[in-house]
PDB file of all heavy atoms in Angstrom:
ATOM      1  N   ALA A   1    -121.437 -58.908-157.001  1.00  0.00           N
ATOM      2  CA  ALA A   1    -121.207 -60.281-156.532  1.00  0.00           C
ATOM      3  C   ALA A   1    -120.702 -61.229-157.620  1.00  0.00           C
ATOM      4  O   ALA A   1    -119.753 -61.995-157.380  1.00  0.00           O
ATOM      5  CB  ALA A   1    -122.482 -60.832-155.888  1.00  0.00           C
ATOM      6  N   PRO A   2    -121.283 -61.230-158.844  1.00  0.00           N
ATOM      7  CA  PRO A   2    -120.767 -62.148-159.874  1.00  0.00           C
ATOM      8  C   PRO A   2    -119.305 -61.895-160.217  1.00  0.00           C
ATOM      9  O   PRO A   2    -118.558 -62.833-160.501  1.00  0.00           O
ATOM     10  CB  PRO A   2    -121.674 -61.851-161.081  1.00  0.00           C
ATOM     11  CG  PRO A   2    -122.928 -61.288-160.491  1.00  0.00           C
ATOM     12  CD  PRO A   2    -122.476 -60.500-159.303  1.00  0.00           C
ATOM     13  N   TYR A   3    -118.878 -60.616-160.182  1.00  0.00           N
ATOM     14  CA  TYR A   3    -117.476 -60.299-160.466  1.00  0.00           C
ATOM     15  C   TYR A   3    -116.569 -60.828-159.351  1.00  0.00           C
ATOM     16  O   TYR A   3    -115.438 -61.250-159.606  1.00  0.00           O
ATOM     17  CB  TYR A   3    -117.292 -58.787-160.611  1.00  0.00           C
ATOM     18  CG  TYR A   3    -118.036 -58.197-161.787  1.00  0.00           C
ATOM     19  CD1 TYR A   3    -119.229 -57.514-161.602  1.00  0.00           C
ATOM     20  CD2 TYR A   3    -117.552 -58.342-163.086  1.00  0.00           C
ATOM     21  CE1 TYR A   3    -119.926 -56.978-162.673  1.00  0.00           C
ATOM     22  CE2 TYR A   3    -118.240 -57.810-164.164  1.00  0.00           C
ATOM     23  CZ  TYR A   3    -119.429 -57.129-163.964  1.00  0.00           C
ATOM     24  OH  TYR A   3    -120.117 -56.615-165.033  1.00  0.00           O
ATOM     25  N   THR A   4    -117.074 -60.801-158.120  1.00  0.00           N
ATOM     26  CA  THR A   4    -116.297 -61.319-156.989  1.00  0.00           C
ATOM     27  C   THR A   4    -116.021 -62.804-157.183  1.00  0.00           C
ATOM     28  O   THR A   4    -114.891 -63.285-156.991  1.00  0.00           O
ATOM     29  CB  THR A   4    -117.056 -61.081-155.670  1.00  0.00           C
ATOM     30  OG1 THR A   4    -117.412 -59.702-155.560  1.00  0.00           O
ATOM     31  CG2 THR A   4    -116.210 -61.481-154.469  1.00  0.00           C
ATOM     32  N   ILE A   5    -117.064 -63.536-157.589  1.00  0.00           N
ATOM     33  CA  ILE A   5    -116.909 -64.972-157.841  1.00  0.00           C
ATOM     34  C   ILE A   5    -115.956 -65.205-159.014  1.00  0.00           C
ATOM     35  O   ILE A   5    -115.067 -66.068-158.970  1.00  0.00           O
ATOM     36  CB  ILE A   5    -118.275 -65.610-158.119  1.00  0.00           C
ATOM     37  CG1 ILE A   5    -119.166 -65.516-156.877  1.00  0.00           C
ATOM     38  CG2 ILE A   5    -118.121 -67.063-158.570  1.00  0.00           C
ATOM     39  CD1 ILE A   5    -120.607 -65.920-157.112  1.00  0.00           C
ATOM     40  N   GLU A   6    -116.128 -64.416-160.067  1.00  0.00           N
ATOM     41  CA  GLU A   6    -115.286 -64.561-161.257  1.00  0.00           C
ATOM     42  C   GLU A   6    -113.813 -64.340-160.919  1.00  0.00           C
ATOM     43  O   GLU A   6    -112.944 -65.099-161.377  1.00  0.00           O
ATOM     44  CB  GLU A   6    -115.729 -63.557-162.318  1.00  0.00           C
ATOM     45  CG  GLU A   6    -114.912 -63.610-163.606  1.00  0.00           C
ATOM     46  CD  GLU A   6    -115.361 -62.569-164.624  1.00  0.00           C
ATOM     47  OE1 GLU A   6    -116.567 -62.220-164.611  1.00  0.00           O
ATOM     48  OE2 GLU A   6    -114.526 -62.114-165.408  1.00  0.00           O
ATOM     49  N   GLU A   7    -113.529 -63.323-160.117  1.00  0.00           N
ATOM     50  CA  GLU A   7    -112.134 -63.042-159.768  1.00  0.00           C
ATOM     51  C   GLU A   7    -111.533 -64.157-158.927  1.00  0.00           C
ATOM     52  O   GLU A   7    -110.345 -64.470-159.050  1.00  0.00           O
ATOM     53  CB  GLU A   7    -112.025 -61.698-159.038  1.00  0.00           C
ATOM     54  CG  GLU A   7    -112.409 -60.482-159.871  1.00  0.00           C
ATOM     55  CD  GLU A   7    -111.580 -60.306-161.126  1.00  0.00           C
ATOM     56  OE1 GLU A   7    -110.553 -61.001-161.296  1.00  0.00           O
ATOM     57  OE2 GLU A   7    -111.963 -59.474-161.965  1.00  0.00           O
ATOM     58  N   ALA A   8    -112.346 -64.771-158.061  1.00  0.00           N
ATOM     59  CA  ALA A   8    -111.851 -65.902-157.264  1.00  0.00           C
ATOM     60  C   ALA A   8    -111.461 -67.061-158.184  1.00  0.00           C
ATOM     61  O   ALA A   8    -110.428 -67.717-157.979  1.00  0.00           O
ATOM     62  CB  ALA A   8    -112.916 -66.347-156.263  1.00  0.00           C
ATOM     63  N   TYR A   9    -112.265 -67.288-159.225  1.00  0.00           N
ATOM     64  CA  TYR A   9    -111.942 -68.342-160.190  1.00  0.00           C
ATOM     65  C   TYR A   9    -110.678 -68.003-160.977  1.00  0.00           C
ATOM     66  O   TYR A   9    -109.901 -68.898-161.343  1.00  0.00           O
ATOM     67  CB  TYR A   9    -113.112 -68.559-161.144  1.00  0.00           C
ATOM     68  CG  TYR A   9    -114.169 -69.476-160.603  1.00  0.00           C
ATOM     69  CD1 TYR A   9    -115.467 -69.027-160.379  1.00  0.00           C
ATOM     70  CD2 TYR A   9    -113.886 -70.812-160.315  1.00  0.00           C
ATOM     71  CE1 TYR A   9    -116.451 -69.875-159.877  1.00  0.00           C
ATOM     72  CE2 TYR A   9    -114.852 -71.664-159.823  1.00  0.00           C
ATOM     73  CZ  TYR A   9    -116.139 -71.189-159.603  1.00  0.00           C
ATOM     74  OH  TYR A   9    -117.101 -72.033-159.109  1.00  0.00           O
ATOM     75  N   GLU A  10    -110.475 -66.703-161.261  1.00  0.00           N
ATOM     76  CA  GLU A  10    -109.267 -66.297-161.980  1.00  0.00           C
ATOM     77  C   GLU A  10    -108.021 -66.593-161.138  1.00  0.00           C
ATOM     78  O   GLU A  10    -106.967 -66.955-161.659  1.00  0.00           O
ATOM     79  CB  GLU A  10    -109.331 -64.803-162.318  1.00  0.00           C
ATOM     80  CG  GLU A  10    -110.410 -64.423-163.320  1.00  0.00           C
ATOM     81  CD  GLU A  10    -110.118 -64.915-164.724  1.00  0.00           C
ATOM     82  OE1 GLU A  10    -108.958 -65.302-164.996  1.00  0.00           O
ATOM     83  OE2 GLU A  10    -111.043 -64.915-165.546  1.00  0.00           O
ATOM     84  N   VAL A  11    -108.143 -66.431-159.826  1.00  0.00           N
ATOM     85  CA  VAL A  11    -107.042 -66.768-158.926  1.00  0.00           C
ATOM     86  C   VAL A  11    -106.728 -68.261-159.026  1.00  0.00           C
ATOM     87  O   VAL A  11    -105.567 -68.672-159.152  1.00  0.00           O
ATOM     88  CB  VAL A  11    -107.386 -66.388-157.461  1.00  0.00           C
ATOM     89  CG1 VAL A  11    -106.382 -67.002-156.492  1.00  0.00           C
ATOM     90  CG2 VAL A  11    -107.413 -64.873-157.292  1.00  0.00           C
ATOM     91  N   VAL A  12    -107.772 -69.085-158.983  1.00  0.00           N
ATOM     92  CA  VAL A  12    -107.595 -70.537-159.082  1.00  0.00           C
ATOM     93  C   VAL A  12    -106.958 -70.915-160.412  1.00  0.00           C
ATOM     94  O   VAL A  12    -106.065 -71.770-160.476  1.00  0.00           O
ATOM     95  CB  VAL A  12    -108.951 -71.253-158.912  1.00  0.00           C
ATOM     96  CG1 VAL A  12    -108.800 -72.752-159.165  1.00  0.00           C
ATOM     97  CG2 VAL A  12    -109.507 -71.019-157.510  1.00  0.00           C
ATOM     98  N   ASP A  13    -107.386 -70.257-161.490  1.00  0.00           N
ATOM     99  CA  ASP A  13    -106.832 -70.554-162.812  1.00  0.00           C
ATOM    100  C   ASP A  13    -105.341 -70.241-162.862  1.00  0.00           C
ATOM    101  O   ASP A  13    -104.550 -71.024-163.414  1.00  0.00           O
ATOM    102  CB  ASP A  13    -107.574 -69.733-163.875  1.00  0.00           C
ATOM    103  CG  ASP A  13    -107.002 -69.942-165.264  1.00  0.00           C
ATOM    104  OD1 ASP A  13    -107.027 -71.085-165.754  1.00  0.00           O
ATOM    105  OD2 ASP A  13    -106.505 -68.962-165.857  1.00  0.00           O
ATOM    106  N   ALA A  14    -104.928 -69.107-162.290  1.00  0.00           N
ATOM    107  CA  ALA A  14    -103.509 -68.751-162.274  1.00  0.00           C
ATOM    108  C   ALA A  14    -102.700 -69.776-161.490  1.00  0.00           C
ATOM    109  O   ALA A  14    -101.578 -70.131-161.877  1.00  0.00           O
ATOM    110  CB  ALA A  14    -103.326 -67.356-161.671  1.00  0.00           C
ATOM    111  N   ILE A  15    -103.279 -70.268-160.392  1.00  0.00           N
ATOM    112  CA  ILE A  15    -102.610 -71.302-159.587  1.00  0.00           C
ATOM    113  C   ILE A  15    -102.489 -72.589-160.388  1.00  0.00           C
ATOM    114  O   ILE A  15    -101.423 -73.227-160.422  1.00  0.00           O
ATOM    115  CB  ILE A  15    -103.374 -71.546-158.275  1.00  0.00           C
ATOM    116  CG1 ILE A  15    -103.288 -70.313-157.367  1.00  0.00           C
ATOM    117  CG2 ILE A  15    -102.829 -72.781-157.551  1.00  0.00           C
ATOM    118  CD1 ILE A  15    -104.189 -70.361-156.153  1.00  0.00           C
ATOM    119  N   ASP A  16    -103.568 -72.983-161.067  1.00  0.00           N
ATOM    120  CA  ASP A  16    -103.546 -74.203-161.880  1.00  0.00           C
ATOM    121  C   ASP A  16    -102.484 -74.134-162.967  1.00  0.00           C
ATOM    122  O   ASP A  16    -101.861 -75.137-163.319  1.00  0.00           O
ATOM    123  CB  ASP A  16    -104.921 -74.434-162.517  1.00  0.00           C
ATOM    124  CG  ASP A  16    -105.964 -74.917-161.521  1.00  0.00           C
ATOM    125  OD1 ASP A  16    -105.571 -75.339-160.413  1.00  0.00           O
ATOM    126  OD2 ASP A  16    -107.169 -74.866-161.842  1.00  0.00           O
ATOM    127  N   ARG A  17    -102.280 -72.933-163.525  1.00  0.00           N
ATOM    128  CA  ARG A  17    -101.303 -72.764-164.596  1.00  0.00           C
ATOM    129  C   ARG A  17     -99.888 -72.551-164.068  1.00  0.00           C
ATOM    130  O   ARG A  17     -98.927 -72.506-164.828  1.00  0.00           O
ATOM    131  CB  ARG A  17    -101.700 -71.582-165.489  1.00  0.00           C
ATOM    132  CG  ARG A  17    -102.936 -71.843-166.328  1.00  0.00           C
ATOM    133  CD  ARG A  17    -103.245 -70.698-167.284  1.00  0.00           C
ATOM    134  NE  ARG A  17    -103.828 -69.549-166.590  1.00  0.00           N
ATOM    135  CZ  ARG A  17    -103.189 -68.423-166.336  1.00  0.00           C
ATOM    136  NH1 ARG A  17    -101.916 -68.277-166.705  1.00  0.00           N
ATOM    137  NH2 ARG A  17    -103.785 -67.427-165.720  1.00  0.00           N
ATOM    138  N   GLY A  18     -99.764 -72.393-162.749  1.00  0.00           N
ATOM    139  CA  GLY A  18     -98.452 -72.169-162.156  1.00  0.00           C
ATOM    140  C   GLY A  18     -97.844 -70.837-162.542  1.00  0.00           C
ATOM    141  O   GLY A  18     -96.618 -70.686-162.551  1.00  0.00           O
ATOM    142  N   ASP A  19     -98.691 -69.852-162.880  1.00  0.00           N
ATOM    143  CA  ASP A  19     -98.222 -68.538-163.321  1.00  0.00           C
ATOM    144  C   ASP A  19     -98.267 -67.573-162.138  1.00  0.00           C
ATOM    145  O   ASP A  19     -99.311 -66.987-161.834  1.00  0.00           O
ATOM    146  CB  ASP A  19     -99.110 -68.030-164.467  1.00  0.00           C
ATOM    147  CG  ASP A  19     -98.536 -66.802-165.158  1.00  0.00           C
ATOM    148  OD1 ASP A  19     -97.873 -65.997-164.475  1.00  0.00           O
ATOM    149  OD2 ASP A  19     -98.768 -66.648-166.372  1.00  0.00           O
ATOM    150  N   LEU A  20     -97.139 -67.400-161.466  1.00  0.00           N
ATOM    151  CA  LEU A  20     -97.107 -66.554-160.276  1.00  0.00           C
ATOM    152  C   LEU A  20     -97.265 -65.072-160.614  1.00  0.00           C
ATOM    153  O   LEU A  20     -97.759 -64.289-159.793  1.00  0.00           O
ATOM    154  CB  LEU A  20     -95.814 -66.787-159.500  1.00  0.00           C
ATOM    155  CG  LEU A  20     -95.643 -68.204-158.919  1.00  0.00           C
ATOM    156  CD1 LEU A  20     -94.372 -68.289-158.089  1.00  0.00           C
ATOM    157  CD2 LEU A  20     -96.850 -68.594-158.078  1.00  0.00           C
ATOM    158  N   GLY A  21     -96.848 -64.665-161.800  1.00  0.00           N
ATOM    159  CA  GLY A  21     -97.052 -63.291-162.222  1.00  0.00           C
ATOM    160  C   GLY A  21     -98.532 -62.979-162.340  1.00  0.00           C
ATOM    161  O   GLY A  21     -99.014 -61.956-161.837  1.00  0.00           O
ATOM    162  N   ASP A  22     -99.257 -63.884-162.999  1.00  0.00           N
ATOM    163  CA  ASP A  22    -100.711 -63.724-163.117  1.00  0.00           C
ATOM    164  C   ASP A  22    -101.375 -63.824-161.754  1.00  0.00           C
ATOM    165  O   ASP A  22    -102.357 -63.131-161.480  1.00  0.00           O
ATOM    166  CB  ASP A  22    -101.300 -64.795-164.047  1.00  0.00           C
ATOM    167  CG  ASP A  22    -101.360 -64.316-165.492  1.00  0.00           C
ATOM    168  OD1 ASP A  22    -100.842 -63.220-165.766  1.00  0.00           O
ATOM    169  OD2 ASP A  22    -101.922 -65.036-166.335  1.00  0.00           O
ATOM    170  N   LEU A  23    -100.848 -64.715-160.895  1.00  0.00           N
ATOM    171  CA  LEU A  23    -101.435 -64.886-159.568  1.00  0.00           C
ATOM    172  C   LEU A  23    -101.378 -63.574-158.794  1.00  0.00           C
ATOM    173  O   LEU A  23    -102.351 -63.185-158.135  1.00  0.00           O
ATOM    174  CB  LEU A  23    -100.706 -65.989-158.794  1.00  0.00           C
ATOM    175  CG  LEU A  23    -101.181 -66.232-157.365  1.00  0.00           C
ATOM    176  CD1 LEU A  23    -102.664 -66.599-157.336  1.00  0.00           C
ATOM    177  CD2 LEU A  23    -100.354 -67.323-156.703  1.00  0.00           C
ATOM    178  N   CYS A  24    -100.245 -62.870-158.884  1.00  0.00           N
ATOM    179  CA  CYS A  24    -100.111 -61.577-158.207  1.00  0.00           C
ATOM    180  C   CYS A  24    -101.182 -60.608-158.693  1.00  0.00           C
ATOM    181  O   CYS A  24    -101.854 -59.941-157.900  1.00  0.00           O
ATOM    182  CB  CYS A  24     -98.718 -61.005-158.455  1.00  0.00           C
ATOM    183  SG  CYS A  24     -98.444 -59.368-157.724  1.00  0.00           S
ATOM    184  N   GLU A  25    -101.362 -60.551-160.004  1.00  0.00           N
ATOM    185  CA  GLU A  25    -102.342 -59.621-160.575  1.00  0.00           C
ATOM    186  C   GLU A  25    -103.768 -60.016-160.214  1.00  0.00           C
ATOM    187  O   GLU A  25    -104.598 -59.168-159.873  1.00  0.00           O
ATOM    188  CB  GLU A  25    -102.178 -59.575-162.097  1.00  0.00           C
ATOM    189  CG  GLU A  25    -103.092 -58.556-162.762  1.00  0.00           C
ATOM    190  CD  GLU A  25    -102.773 -58.351-164.231  1.00  0.00           C
ATOM    191  OE1 GLU A  25    -101.630 -58.650-164.646  1.00  0.00           O
ATOM    192  OE2 GLU A  25    -103.655 -57.889-164.960  1.00  0.00           O
ATOM    193  N   GLU A  26    -104.059 -61.316-160.275  1.00  0.00           N
ATOM    194  CA  GLU A  26    -105.418 -61.780-159.990  1.00  0.00           C
ATOM    195  C   GLU A  26    -105.765 -61.605-158.510  1.00  0.00           C
ATOM    196  O   GLU A  26    -106.916 -61.328-158.168  1.00  0.00           O
ATOM    197  CB  GLU A  26    -105.582 -63.245-160.402  1.00  0.00           C
ATOM    198  CG  GLU A  26    -105.429 -63.509-161.893  1.00  0.00           C
ATOM    199  CD  GLU A  26    -106.432 -62.749-162.749  1.00  0.00           C
ATOM    200  OE1 GLU A  26    -107.431 -62.232-162.206  1.00  0.00           O
ATOM    201  OE2 GLU A  26    -106.206 -62.657-163.968  1.00  0.00           O
ATOM    202  N   LEU A  27    -104.784 -61.768-157.630  1.00  0.00           N
ATOM    203  CA  LEU A  27    -105.034 -61.515-156.205  1.00  0.00           C
ATOM    204  C   LEU A  27    -105.375 -60.040-155.986  1.00  0.00           C
ATOM    205  O   LEU A  27    -106.214 -59.695-155.141  1.00  0.00           O
ATOM    206  CB  LEU A  27    -103.822 -61.913-155.376  1.00  0.00           C
ATOM    207  CG  LEU A  27    -103.602 -63.419-155.187  1.00  0.00           C
ATOM    208  CD1 LEU A  27    -102.254 -63.685-154.533  1.00  0.00           C
ATOM    209  CD2 LEU A  27    -104.725 -64.037-154.357  1.00  0.00           C
ATOM    210  N   GLY A  28    -104.738 -59.166-156.766  1.00  0.00           N
ATOM    211  CA  GLY A  28    -105.070 -57.747-156.688  1.00  0.00           C
ATOM    212  C   GLY A  28    -106.494 -57.492-157.131  1.00  0.00           C
ATOM    213  O   GLY A  28    -107.226 -56.701-156.514  1.00  0.00           O
ATOM    214  N   ASP A  29    -106.917 -58.167-158.217  1.00  0.00           N
ATOM    215  CA  ASP A  29    -108.296 -58.016-158.697  1.00  0.00           C
ATOM    216  C   ASP A  29    -109.291 -58.500-157.642  1.00  0.00           C
ATOM    217  O   ASP A  29    -110.354 -57.899-157.455  1.00  0.00           O
ATOM    218  CB  ASP A  29    -108.490 -58.811-159.991  1.00  0.00           C
ATOM    219  CG  ASP A  29    -107.724 -58.208-161.161  1.00  0.00           C
ATOM    220  OD1 ASP A  29    -107.299 -57.046-161.050  1.00  0.00           O
ATOM    221  OD2 ASP A  29    -107.550 -58.912-162.178  1.00  0.00           O
ATOM    222  N   LEU A  30    -108.933 -59.602-156.959  1.00  0.00           N
ATOM    223  CA  LEU A  30    -109.813 -60.118-155.916  1.00  0.00           C
ATOM    224  C   LEU A  30    -109.862 -59.171-154.723  1.00  0.00           C
ATOM    225  O   LEU A  30    -110.926 -58.935-154.132  1.00  0.00           O
ATOM    226  CB  LEU A  30    -109.336 -61.506-155.476  1.00  0.00           C
ATOM    227  CG  LEU A  30    -110.217 -62.243-154.459  1.00  0.00           C
ATOM    228  CD1 LEU A  30    -111.638 -62.426-154.986  1.00  0.00           C
ATOM    229  CD2 LEU A  30    -109.608 -63.599-154.112  1.00  0.00           C
ATOM    230  N   LEU A  31    -108.712 -58.595-154.390  1.00  0.00           N
ATOM    231  CA  LEU A  31    -108.669 -57.621-153.297  1.00  0.00           C
ATOM    232  C   LEU A  31    -109.533 -56.407-153.618  1.00  0.00           C
ATOM    233  O   LEU A  31    -110.207 -55.855-152.741  1.00  0.00           O
ATOM    234  CB  LEU A  31    -107.223 -57.189-153.037  1.00  0.00           C
ATOM    235  CG  LEU A  31    -107.004 -56.116-151.968  1.00  0.00           C
ATOM    236  CD1 LEU A  31    -107.547 -56.577-150.615  1.00  0.00           C
ATOM    237  CD2 LEU A  31    -105.525 -55.763-151.868  1.00  0.00           C
TER     238      LEU A  31
END
């Protein structure tokens, strides 16, 4: 569960930074 929450935050961070490459990878981690 803590990793699930952490990955969701990583998705938000990629969005905040406007890094679509990272967003793709972080969405995979969340999936």
